[in-house]
Amino acid sequence: MKFFEYNRLSITTKILDVYIQGFLISKKIKINNSMKTRICILILGIIICACKTSSKEKSDMESKEIVEKKIDVFKSSETGVKFIMTSSGSLDKGKDTIVEGIKYTIVENEKGNITFWSTRDKKFKTPEGYVIGNQLKDISKLEKDGIYKQPGFGYFIKLESGWQLGFCEGESCTVSVPTEESIVKWMMKI
């Protein structure tokens, strides 16, 4: 390993030597080889120190952020906030709420803006007129043609209004493609 590190150091020093030589020639400055070597070593030392310091600071900051997030997660679970699957492989902190008699699960960002809405409430109706319990055959062909799969999360149809109709087929919700008899299990808006 030391041989490899020595070779890498030697190559880096040679590259620096070429750059310094080019700089000196362009400025018409003459110095001896000993001075050039010292300048290369000094620049190389500065680069190495700068890299180690920035990566250590970054590592310390990342560790601190992870600890703070874990503490925040434990606090939130005690206050009724739960984790919501918002896409395939993505969990976010969310909560249940009722708006105009309809139950929703929502996720808010740091500013308090709602970034995710989901409902299984049969009283909810999309602007297009769809409700929980509609069958795939009740959906227009144009909208049906846009069906897509999120592995382990479900099959979805995006609507013009921004709402998405969710279908769950089998244990993982994506075991098979929805049939004409498949029903809308939930709706979400991202």
N, C-alpha and C. Protein backbone atom coordinates (compact mmCIF):
# COMPACT_ATOMS: atom_id res chain seq x y z
N MET A 1 0.84 -1.20 0.00
CA MET A 1 0.00 0.00 0.00
C MET A 1 0.88 1.26 0.00
N LYS A 2 1.97 1.22 0.77
CA LYS A 2 2.84 2.40 0.82
C LYS A 2 3.44 2.69 -0.55
N PHE A 3 3.76 1.60 -1.30
CA PHE A 3 4.31 1.79 -2.64
C PHE A 3 3.31 2.53 -3.52
N PHE A 4 2.02 2.11 -3.45
CA PHE A 4 0.98 2.77 -4.24
C PHE A 4 0.84 4.23 -3.82
N GLU A 5 0.81 4.48 -2.50
CA GLU A 5 0.69 5.86 -2.02
C GLU A 5 1.88 6.69 -2.45
N TYR A 6 3.08 6.08 -2.42
CA TYR A 6 4.28 6.80 -2.83
C TYR A 6 4.18 7.17 -4.31
N ASN A 7 3.76 6.21 -5.13
CA ASN A 7 3.62 6.48 -6.56
C ASN A 7 2.60 7.57 -6.82
N ARG A 8 1.47 7.53 -6.11
CA ARG A 8 0.43 8.55 -6.28
C ARG A 8 0.99 9.92 -5.87
N LEU A 9 1.73 9.95 -4.77
CA LEU A 9 2.33 11.19 -4.29
C LEU A 9 3.34 11.69 -5.31
N SER A 10 4.14 10.77 -5.85
CA SER A 10 5.16 11.14 -6.83
C SER A 10 4.51 11.71 -8.09
N ILE A 11 3.44 11.08 -8.55
CA ILE A 11 2.74 11.56 -9.75
C ILE A 11 2.13 12.93 -9.49
N THR A 12 1.50 13.09 -8.32
CA THR A 12 0.90 14.39 -7.98
C THR A 12 1.97 15.47 -7.93
N THR A 13 3.12 15.14 -7.35
CA THR A 13 4.22 16.11 -7.26
C THR A 13 4.69 16.49 -8.65
N LYS A 14 4.78 15.52 -9.56
CA LYS A 14 5.22 15.82 -10.93
C LYS A 14 4.22 16.72 -11.64
N ILE A 15 2.93 16.45 -11.42
CA ILE A 15 1.90 17.30 -12.04
C ILE A 15 2.02 18.72 -11.52
N LEU A 16 2.17 18.86 -10.21
CA LEU A 16 2.35 20.20 -9.63
C LEU A 16 3.59 20.86 -10.19
N ASP A 17 4.67 20.10 -10.36
CA ASP A 17 5.92 20.63 -10.89
C ASP A 17 5.70 21.21 -12.28
N VAL A 18 4.93 20.49 -13.11
CA VAL A 18 4.65 20.97 -14.47
C VAL A 18 3.85 22.28 -14.42
N TYR A 19 2.82 22.32 -13.55
CA TYR A 19 2.02 23.54 -13.43
C TYR A 19 2.86 24.71 -12.93
N ILE A 20 3.68 24.47 -11.93
CA ILE A 20 4.53 25.55 -11.39
C ILE A 20 5.51 26.02 -12.44
N GLN A 21 6.11 25.07 -13.17
CA GLN A 21 7.06 25.44 -14.21
C GLN A 21 6.37 26.29 -15.28
N GLY A 22 5.17 25.90 -15.68
CA GLY A 22 4.42 26.67 -16.67
C GLY A 22 4.10 28.07 -16.16
N PHE A 23 3.72 28.16 -14.87
CA PHE A 23 3.43 29.46 -14.28
C PHE A 23 4.67 30.34 -14.25
N LEU A 24 5.79 29.76 -13.82
CA LEU A 24 7.03 30.53 -13.73
C LEU A 24 7.50 31.01 -15.10
N ILE A 25 7.36 30.16 -16.11
CA ILE A 25 7.76 30.56 -17.46
C ILE A 25 6.87 31.69 -17.94
N SER A 26 5.56 31.58 -17.68
CA SER A 26 4.65 32.63 -18.15
C SER A 26 4.93 33.96 -17.46
N LYS A 27 5.43 33.93 -16.25
CA LYS A 27 5.74 35.16 -15.51
C LYS A 27 7.20 35.56 -15.63
N LYS A 28 7.98 34.74 -16.37
CA LYS A 28 9.41 34.98 -16.59
C LYS A 28 10.18 35.05 -15.27
N ILE A 29 9.85 34.10 -14.38
CA ILE A 29 10.53 34.01 -13.08
C ILE A 29 11.45 32.80 -13.13
N LYS A 30 12.69 32.97 -12.66
CA LYS A 30 13.63 31.86 -12.65
C LYS A 30 13.94 31.48 -11.21
N ILE A 31 13.74 30.16 -10.92
CA ILE A 31 14.12 29.64 -9.60
C ILE A 31 14.78 28.28 -9.81
N ASN A 32 15.56 27.84 -8.82
CA ASN A 32 16.26 26.56 -8.96
C ASN A 32 15.33 25.39 -8.62
N ASN A 33 15.80 24.17 -8.93
CA ASN A 33 14.98 22.96 -8.72
C ASN A 33 14.64 22.74 -7.26
N SER A 34 15.54 23.09 -6.37
CA SER A 34 15.30 22.90 -4.94
C SER A 34 14.10 23.75 -4.49
N MET A 35 14.05 24.96 -4.97
CA MET A 35 12.95 25.86 -4.62
C MET A 35 11.64 25.34 -5.21
N LYS A 36 11.68 24.83 -6.46
CA LYS A 36 10.50 24.27 -7.11
C LYS A 36 9.95 23.09 -6.30
N THR A 37 10.83 22.24 -5.84
CA THR A 37 10.42 21.07 -5.05
C THR A 37 9.75 21.52 -3.75
N ARG A 38 10.31 22.52 -3.10
CA ARG A 38 9.73 23.03 -1.86
C ARG A 38 8.33 23.61 -2.10
N ILE A 39 8.16 24.33 -3.20
CA ILE A 39 6.85 24.90 -3.53
C ILE A 39 5.84 23.78 -3.78
N CYS A 40 6.26 22.72 -4.51
CA CYS A 40 5.38 21.57 -4.78
C CYS A 40 4.94 20.92 -3.48
N ILE A 41 5.88 20.69 -2.58
CA ILE A 41 5.57 20.05 -1.30
C ILE A 41 4.63 20.93 -0.48
N LEU A 42 4.87 22.23 -0.47
CA LEU A 42 4.01 23.15 0.27
C LEU A 42 2.58 23.13 -0.28
N ILE A 43 2.44 23.22 -1.58
CA ILE A 43 1.10 23.20 -2.20
C ILE A 43 0.42 21.87 -1.94
N LEU A 44 1.15 20.77 -2.08
CA LEU A 44 0.61 19.45 -1.83
C LEU A 44 0.14 19.32 -0.37
N GLY A 45 0.94 19.83 0.56
CA GLY A 45 0.56 19.80 1.98
C GLY A 45 -0.71 20.58 2.24
N ILE A 46 -0.85 21.73 1.62
CA ILE A 46 -2.05 22.56 1.78
C ILE A 46 -3.27 21.81 1.25
N ILE A 47 -3.13 21.18 0.08
CA ILE A 47 -4.24 20.44 -0.51
C ILE A 47 -4.66 19.28 0.39
N ILE A 48 -3.69 18.52 0.90
CA ILE A 48 -4.00 17.37 1.76
C ILE A 48 -4.69 17.82 3.04
N CYS A 49 -4.18 18.87 3.67
CA CYS A 49 -4.81 19.37 4.91
C CYS A 49 -6.22 19.87 4.65
N ALA A 50 -6.42 20.56 3.55
CA ALA A 50 -7.74 21.10 3.23
C ALA A 50 -8.74 19.96 3.00
N CYS A 51 -8.31 18.92 2.31
CA CYS A 51 -9.20 17.78 2.05
C CYS A 51 -9.56 17.06 3.34
N LYS A 52 -8.59 16.81 4.18
CA LYS A 52 -8.87 16.10 5.44
C LYS A 52 -9.78 16.91 6.33
N THR A 53 -9.56 18.21 6.44
CA THR A 53 -10.38 19.05 7.30
C THR A 53 -11.82 19.10 6.80
N SER A 54 -12.01 19.32 5.50
CA SER A 54 -13.38 19.46 5.01
C SER A 54 -14.14 18.15 5.12
N SER A 55 -13.49 17.00 4.86
CA SER A 55 -14.21 15.74 4.96
C SER A 55 -14.52 15.40 6.42
N LYS A 56 -13.63 15.76 7.35
CA LYS A 56 -13.89 15.51 8.77
C LYS A 56 -15.04 16.38 9.25
N GLU A 57 -15.04 17.66 8.86
CA GLU A 57 -16.13 18.55 9.25
C GLU A 57 -17.45 18.04 8.68
N LYS A 58 -17.42 17.60 7.42
CA LYS A 58 -18.64 17.09 6.80
C LYS A 58 -19.12 15.84 7.53
N SER A 59 -18.20 14.96 7.85
CA SER A 59 -18.56 13.73 8.55
C SER A 59 -19.16 14.05 9.92
N ASP A 60 -18.55 15.00 10.66
CA ASP A 60 -19.08 15.40 11.96
C ASP A 60 -20.48 15.99 11.83
N MET A 61 -20.68 16.82 10.79
CA MET A 61 -21.99 17.44 10.58
C MET A 61 -23.03 16.37 10.25
N GLU A 62 -22.67 15.40 9.38
CA GLU A 62 -23.61 14.35 9.02
C GLU A 62 -24.00 13.53 10.24
N SER A 63 -23.03 13.20 11.08
CA SER A 63 -23.32 12.42 12.29
C SER A 63 -24.26 13.17 13.20
N LYS A 64 -24.02 14.48 13.36
CA LYS A 64 -24.87 15.30 14.22
C LYS A 64 -26.29 15.35 13.67
N GLU A 65 -26.42 15.51 12.32
CA GLU A 65 -27.75 15.56 11.70
C GLU A 65 -28.49 14.24 11.90
N ILE A 66 -27.79 13.12 11.76
CA ILE A 66 -28.43 11.81 11.93
C ILE A 66 -28.95 11.66 13.35
N VAL A 67 -28.14 12.05 14.33
CA VAL A 67 -28.56 11.95 15.73
C VAL A 67 -29.78 12.84 15.97
N GLU A 68 -29.74 14.09 15.44
CA GLU A 68 -30.87 14.99 15.63
C GLU A 68 -32.14 14.43 14.99
N LYS A 69 -32.01 13.82 13.80
CA LYS A 69 -33.18 13.24 13.13
C LYS A 69 -33.75 12.09 13.96
N LYS A 70 -32.87 11.24 14.51
CA LYS A 70 -33.34 10.12 15.31
C LYS A 70 -34.08 10.63 16.54
N ILE A 71 -33.54 11.66 17.19
CA ILE A 71 -34.20 12.23 18.36
C ILE A 71 -35.56 12.78 17.94
N ASP A 72 -35.61 13.48 16.79
CA ASP A 72 -36.86 14.06 16.30
C ASP A 72 -37.88 12.96 16.02
N VAL A 73 -37.44 11.84 15.46
CA VAL A 73 -38.34 10.73 15.16
C VAL A 73 -38.96 10.18 16.44
N PHE A 74 -38.15 10.01 17.48
CA PHE A 74 -38.69 9.49 18.73
C PHE A 74 -39.68 10.46 19.35
N LYS A 75 -39.39 11.75 19.29
CA LYS A 75 -40.32 12.74 19.83
C LYS A 75 -41.64 12.69 19.06
N SER A 76 -41.54 12.59 17.72
CA SER A 76 -42.76 12.65 16.92
C SER A 76 -43.65 11.45 17.16
N SER A 77 -43.06 10.26 17.39
CA SER A 77 -43.90 9.08 17.59
C SER A 77 -44.68 9.19 18.90
N GLU A 78 -44.18 9.97 19.84
CA GLU A 78 -44.89 10.15 21.10
C GLU A 78 -46.02 11.16 20.96
N THR A 79 -46.00 11.99 19.93
CA THR A 79 -47.02 13.04 19.80
C THR A 79 -48.10 12.70 18.77
N GLY A 80 -48.17 11.44 18.33
CA GLY A 80 -49.22 11.04 17.41
C GLY A 80 -48.85 11.13 15.95
N VAL A 81 -47.66 11.60 15.62
CA VAL A 81 -47.23 11.62 14.23
C VAL A 81 -46.83 10.21 13.85
N LYS A 82 -47.19 9.77 12.64
CA LYS A 82 -46.86 8.41 12.22
C LYS A 82 -46.09 8.46 10.91
N PHE A 83 -45.54 7.32 10.53
CA PHE A 83 -44.80 7.25 9.28
C PHE A 83 -45.74 6.80 8.17
N ILE A 84 -45.68 7.52 7.05
CA ILE A 84 -46.56 7.30 5.91
C ILE A 84 -45.72 6.88 4.71
N MET A 85 -46.14 5.84 4.01
CA MET A 85 -45.47 5.46 2.78
C MET A 85 -45.97 6.41 1.69
N THR A 86 -45.07 7.25 1.19
CA THR A 86 -45.46 8.25 0.20
C THR A 86 -45.06 7.88 -1.23
N SER A 87 -44.23 6.88 -1.37
CA SER A 87 -43.86 6.34 -2.67
C SER A 87 -43.15 5.02 -2.42
N SER A 88 -42.78 4.35 -3.47
CA SER A 88 -42.10 3.07 -3.34
C SER A 88 -40.80 3.26 -2.58
N GLY A 89 -40.71 2.69 -1.38
CA GLY A 89 -39.49 2.76 -0.59
C GLY A 89 -39.29 4.07 0.14
N SER A 90 -40.30 4.89 0.28
CA SER A 90 -40.15 6.19 0.95
C SER A 90 -41.17 6.33 2.08
N LEU A 91 -40.64 6.58 3.28
CA LEU A 91 -41.50 6.83 4.44
C LEU A 91 -41.28 8.25 4.92
N ASP A 92 -42.37 8.95 5.20
CA ASP A 92 -42.28 10.32 5.71
C ASP A 92 -43.17 10.45 6.93
N LYS A 93 -42.82 11.40 7.79
CA LYS A 93 -43.65 11.65 8.97
C LYS A 93 -44.93 12.33 8.52
N GLY A 94 -46.06 11.83 9.00
CA GLY A 94 -47.34 12.41 8.63
C GLY A 94 -48.33 12.29 9.77
N LYS A 95 -49.54 12.74 9.50
CA LYS A 95 -50.59 12.68 10.52
C LYS A 95 -51.95 12.63 9.85
N ASP A 96 -52.92 12.17 10.60
CA ASP A 96 -54.30 12.13 10.11
C ASP A 96 -54.98 13.45 10.42
N THR A 97 -55.87 13.87 9.54
CA THR A 97 -56.63 15.09 9.75
C THR A 97 -57.99 14.94 9.08
N ILE A 98 -58.93 15.73 9.49
CA ILE A 98 -60.26 15.72 8.88
C ILE A 98 -60.54 17.11 8.33
N VAL A 99 -60.90 17.16 7.06
CA VAL A 99 -61.22 18.42 6.39
C VAL A 99 -62.61 18.25 5.77
N GLU A 100 -63.54 19.12 6.19
CA GLU A 100 -64.90 19.08 5.69
C GLU A 100 -65.51 17.67 5.78
N GLY A 101 -65.24 17.01 6.91
CA GLY A 101 -65.81 15.69 7.17
C GLY A 101 -65.13 14.53 6.47
N ILE A 102 -64.04 14.79 5.76
CA ILE A 102 -63.32 13.73 5.05
C ILE A 102 -61.97 13.51 5.73
N LYS A 103 -61.65 12.24 6.01
CA LYS A 103 -60.41 11.90 6.68
C LYS A 103 -59.27 11.78 5.66
N TYR A 104 -58.16 12.50 5.92
CA TYR A 104 -56.97 12.48 5.08
C TYR A 104 -55.76 12.13 5.95
N THR A 105 -54.75 11.60 5.31
CA THR A 105 -53.43 11.47 5.92
C THR A 105 -52.55 12.44 5.15
N ILE A 106 -51.84 13.30 5.88
CA ILE A 106 -51.04 14.34 5.22
C ILE A 106 -49.59 14.30 5.70
N VAL A 107 -48.71 14.83 4.86
CA VAL A 107 -47.30 15.03 5.21
C VAL A 107 -47.01 16.50 4.95
N GLU A 108 -46.37 17.15 5.93
CA GLU A 108 -46.01 18.56 5.80
C GLU A 108 -44.50 18.71 5.73
N ASN A 109 -44.03 19.73 4.99
CA ASN A 109 -42.61 20.02 4.98
C ASN A 109 -42.25 20.91 6.18
N GLU A 110 -41.00 21.33 6.25
CA GLU A 110 -40.54 22.14 7.39
C GLU A 110 -41.28 23.47 7.52
N LYS A 111 -41.77 23.99 6.40
CA LYS A 111 -42.48 25.28 6.41
C LYS A 111 -43.96 25.12 6.75
N GLY A 112 -44.41 23.87 6.91
CA GLY A 112 -45.82 23.63 7.22
C GLY A 112 -46.71 23.47 6.00
N ASN A 113 -46.11 23.47 4.79
CA ASN A 113 -46.89 23.26 3.57
C ASN A 113 -47.17 21.77 3.40
N ILE A 114 -48.36 21.41 2.99
CA ILE A 114 -48.70 20.01 2.79
C ILE A 114 -48.11 19.55 1.46
N THR A 115 -47.28 18.48 1.53
CA THR A 115 -46.60 17.96 0.34
C THR A 115 -47.19 16.64 -0.12
N PHE A 116 -48.06 16.04 0.69
CA PHE A 116 -48.65 14.75 0.35
C PHE A 116 -50.01 14.63 1.00
N TRP A 117 -51.02 14.23 0.22
CA TRP A 117 -52.38 13.97 0.71
C TRP A 117 -52.71 12.54 0.34
N SER A 118 -53.40 11.83 1.21
CA SER A 118 -53.88 10.49 0.91
C SER A 118 -55.21 10.28 1.62
N THR A 119 -56.11 9.54 0.99
CA THR A 119 -57.39 9.24 1.64
C THR A 119 -57.91 7.89 1.19
N ARG A 120 -58.63 7.26 2.11
CA ARG A 120 -59.37 6.02 1.84
C ARG A 120 -60.86 6.24 2.14
N ASP A 121 -61.18 7.49 2.42
CA ASP A 121 -62.55 7.86 2.80
C ASP A 121 -63.47 7.78 1.58
N LYS A 122 -64.52 6.98 1.69
CA LYS A 122 -65.46 6.78 0.57
C LYS A 122 -66.27 8.03 0.25
N LYS A 123 -66.23 9.04 1.16
CA LYS A 123 -66.97 10.28 0.90
C LYS A 123 -66.20 11.21 -0.03
N PHE A 124 -64.90 10.97 -0.20
CA PHE A 124 -64.08 11.84 -1.05
C PHE A 124 -64.36 11.55 -2.51
N LYS A 125 -64.43 12.63 -3.30
CA LYS A 125 -64.66 12.51 -4.74
C LYS A 125 -63.67 13.43 -5.45
N THR A 126 -62.93 12.90 -6.43
CA THR A 126 -61.98 13.73 -7.19
C THR A 126 -62.76 14.69 -8.09
N PRO A 127 -62.13 15.76 -8.54
CA PRO A 127 -62.81 16.67 -9.48
C PRO A 127 -63.30 15.94 -10.74
N GLU A 128 -62.65 14.82 -11.06
CA GLU A 128 -63.09 14.04 -12.23
C GLU A 128 -64.28 13.15 -11.90
N GLY A 129 -64.65 13.05 -10.62
CA GLY A 129 -65.82 12.27 -10.23
C GLY A 129 -65.53 10.88 -9.70
N TYR A 130 -64.27 10.50 -9.52
CA TYR A 130 -63.94 9.17 -9.05
C TYR A 130 -63.98 9.10 -7.52
N VAL A 131 -64.36 7.92 -6.99
CA VAL A 131 -64.44 7.69 -5.54
C VAL A 131 -63.75 6.37 -5.21
N ILE A 132 -63.44 6.20 -3.93
CA ILE A 132 -62.91 4.92 -3.47
C ILE A 132 -63.95 3.85 -3.77
N GLY A 133 -63.52 2.74 -4.33
CA GLY A 133 -64.45 1.67 -4.68
C GLY A 133 -64.77 1.61 -6.17
N ASN A 134 -64.43 2.69 -6.92
CA ASN A 134 -64.62 2.61 -8.37
C ASN A 134 -63.78 1.45 -8.91
N GLN A 135 -64.29 0.81 -9.96
CA GLN A 135 -63.52 -0.24 -10.60
C GLN A 135 -62.71 0.34 -11.75
N LEU A 136 -61.68 -0.38 -12.14
CA LEU A 136 -60.83 0.08 -13.24
C LEU A 136 -61.67 0.29 -14.50
N LYS A 137 -62.69 -0.53 -14.71
CA LYS A 137 -63.54 -0.38 -15.90
C LYS A 137 -64.36 0.91 -15.89
N ASP A 138 -64.49 1.57 -14.71
CA ASP A 138 -65.22 2.84 -14.60
C ASP A 138 -64.37 4.05 -15.02
N ILE A 139 -63.08 3.82 -15.23
CA ILE A 139 -62.14 4.91 -15.51
C ILE A 139 -61.99 5.06 -17.02
N SER A 140 -61.91 6.31 -17.48
CA SER A 140 -61.82 6.56 -18.92
C SER A 140 -60.58 5.89 -19.51
N LYS A 141 -60.67 5.49 -20.77
CA LYS A 141 -59.57 4.80 -21.45
C LYS A 141 -58.31 5.67 -21.46
N LEU A 142 -58.48 6.95 -21.72
CA LEU A 142 -57.33 7.86 -21.76
C LEU A 142 -56.57 7.84 -20.44
N GLU A 143 -57.30 7.93 -19.33
CA GLU A 143 -56.66 7.91 -18.01
C GLU A 143 -56.10 6.53 -17.70
N LYS A 144 -56.84 5.51 -18.06
CA LYS A 144 -56.44 4.12 -17.79
C LYS A 144 -55.13 3.77 -18.50
N ASP A 145 -54.92 4.34 -19.68
CA ASP A 145 -53.70 4.06 -20.45
C ASP A 145 -52.44 4.56 -19.73
N GLY A 146 -52.61 5.47 -18.79
CA GLY A 146 -51.46 6.02 -18.05
C GLY A 146 -51.12 5.27 -16.78
N ILE A 147 -51.70 4.09 -16.57
CA ILE A 147 -51.45 3.35 -15.33
C ILE A 147 -49.96 3.00 -15.23
N TYR A 148 -49.42 3.13 -14.04
CA TYR A 148 -48.00 2.79 -13.82
C TYR A 148 -47.83 2.10 -12.48
N LYS A 149 -46.72 1.41 -12.34
CA LYS A 149 -46.44 0.59 -11.16
C LYS A 149 -45.32 1.23 -10.33
N GLN A 150 -45.54 1.26 -9.02
CA GLN A 150 -44.47 1.60 -8.07
C GLN A 150 -44.24 0.33 -7.27
N PRO A 151 -43.14 -0.40 -7.52
CA PRO A 151 -42.91 -1.70 -6.89
C PRO A 151 -43.12 -1.67 -5.37
N GLY A 152 -43.92 -2.61 -4.90
CA GLY A 152 -44.18 -2.74 -3.47
C GLY A 152 -45.11 -1.69 -2.90
N PHE A 153 -45.64 -0.80 -3.74
CA PHE A 153 -46.50 0.27 -3.26
C PHE A 153 -47.87 0.21 -3.91
N GLY A 154 -47.93 -0.09 -5.21
CA GLY A 154 -49.21 -0.19 -5.89
C GLY A 154 -49.14 0.23 -7.34
N TYR A 155 -50.30 0.16 -7.98
CA TYR A 155 -50.48 0.67 -9.34
C TYR A 155 -51.25 1.97 -9.24
N PHE A 156 -50.89 2.94 -10.07
CA PHE A 156 -51.50 4.27 -9.97
C PHE A 156 -51.90 4.81 -11.33
N ILE A 157 -52.96 5.61 -11.29
CA ILE A 157 -53.40 6.36 -12.46
C ILE A 157 -53.42 7.83 -12.06
N LYS A 158 -52.62 8.64 -12.78
CA LYS A 158 -52.59 10.08 -12.51
C LYS A 158 -53.77 10.74 -13.21
N LEU A 159 -54.45 11.61 -12.47
CA LEU A 159 -55.58 12.34 -13.03
C LEU A 159 -55.18 13.77 -13.34
N GLU A 160 -55.95 14.42 -14.17
CA GLU A 160 -55.71 15.82 -14.55
C GLU A 160 -55.63 16.73 -13.33
N SER A 161 -56.42 16.43 -12.30
CA SER A 161 -56.48 17.25 -11.08
C SER A 161 -55.24 17.12 -10.20
N GLY A 162 -54.38 16.15 -10.50
CA GLY A 162 -53.21 15.91 -9.65
C GLY A 162 -53.40 14.74 -8.70
N TRP A 163 -54.64 14.33 -8.50
CA TRP A 163 -54.91 13.15 -7.67
C TRP A 163 -54.50 11.90 -8.43
N GLN A 164 -54.13 10.87 -7.67
CA GLN A 164 -53.76 9.58 -8.25
C GLN A 164 -54.64 8.50 -7.63
N LEU A 165 -55.17 7.63 -8.47
CA LEU A 165 -55.99 6.52 -8.01
C LEU A 165 -55.06 5.35 -7.73
N GLY A 166 -55.17 4.75 -6.52
CA GLY A 166 -54.28 3.66 -6.14
C GLY A 166 -54.97 2.31 -6.15
N PHE A 167 -54.32 1.33 -6.77
CA PHE A 167 -54.81 -0.04 -6.83
C PHE A 167 -53.81 -0.95 -6.12
N CYS A 168 -54.31 -1.90 -5.35
CA CYS A 168 -53.46 -2.83 -4.62
C CYS A 168 -53.82 -4.24 -5.06
N GLU A 169 -52.87 -4.92 -5.67
CA GLU A 169 -53.09 -6.27 -6.17
C GLU A 169 -52.15 -7.24 -5.46
N GLY A 170 -52.65 -8.02 -4.51
CA GLY A 170 -51.85 -9.01 -3.79
C GLY A 170 -51.16 -8.42 -2.57
N GLU A 171 -50.33 -9.26 -1.92
CA GLU A 171 -49.69 -8.86 -0.67
C GLU A 171 -48.80 -7.62 -0.79
N SER A 172 -48.05 -7.53 -1.89
CA SER A 172 -47.15 -6.38 -2.05
C SER A 172 -47.81 -5.24 -2.82
N CYS A 173 -49.07 -5.40 -3.14
CA CYS A 173 -49.85 -4.43 -3.93
C CYS A 173 -49.45 -4.38 -5.40
N THR A 174 -48.42 -5.15 -5.77
CA THR A 174 -47.99 -5.16 -7.18
C THR A 174 -47.75 -6.58 -7.69
N VAL A 175 -48.43 -7.56 -7.08
CA VAL A 175 -48.25 -8.96 -7.48
C VAL A 175 -48.71 -9.16 -8.92
N SER A 176 -49.81 -8.51 -9.30
CA SER A 176 -50.31 -8.64 -10.68
C SER A 176 -50.86 -7.30 -11.14
N VAL A 177 -51.01 -7.18 -12.44
CA VAL A 177 -51.55 -5.96 -13.04
C VAL A 177 -53.05 -5.90 -12.73
N PRO A 178 -53.58 -4.72 -12.41
CA PRO A 178 -55.02 -4.61 -12.13
C PRO A 178 -55.87 -5.09 -13.32
N THR A 179 -56.98 -5.71 -13.00
CA THR A 179 -57.93 -6.15 -14.03
C THR A 179 -59.07 -5.13 -14.09
N GLU A 180 -59.98 -5.31 -15.01
CA GLU A 180 -61.12 -4.40 -15.14
C GLU A 180 -61.97 -4.37 -13.87
N GLU A 181 -61.93 -5.45 -13.07
CA GLU A 181 -62.71 -5.53 -11.83
C GLU A 181 -61.96 -4.99 -10.62
N SER A 182 -60.68 -4.67 -10.77
CA SER A 182 -59.90 -4.13 -9.65
C SER A 182 -60.51 -2.82 -9.19
N ILE A 183 -60.44 -2.59 -7.87
CA ILE A 183 -61.06 -1.38 -7.34
C ILE A 183 -60.03 -0.39 -6.80
N VAL A 184 -60.42 0.88 -6.83
CA VAL A 184 -59.59 1.95 -6.27
C VAL A 184 -59.60 1.78 -4.75
N LYS A 185 -58.41 1.56 -4.16
CA LYS A 185 -58.29 1.34 -2.72
C LYS A 185 -58.02 2.64 -1.98
N TRP A 186 -57.28 3.54 -2.61
CA TRP A 186 -56.97 4.81 -1.99
C TRP A 186 -56.61 5.82 -3.07
N MET A 187 -56.53 7.08 -2.65
CA MET A 187 -56.15 8.16 -3.58
C MET A 187 -55.10 9.00 -2.89
N MET A 188 -54.20 9.53 -3.69
CA MET A 188 -53.16 10.39 -3.11
C MET A 188 -52.84 11.53 -4.07
N LYS A 189 -52.29 12.57 -3.48
CA LYS A 189 -51.90 13.74 -4.27
C LYS A 189 -50.55 14.20 -3.74
N ILE A 190 -49.59 14.30 -4.66
CA ILE A 190 -48.22 14.69 -4.26
C ILE A 190 -47.93 16.09 -4.75
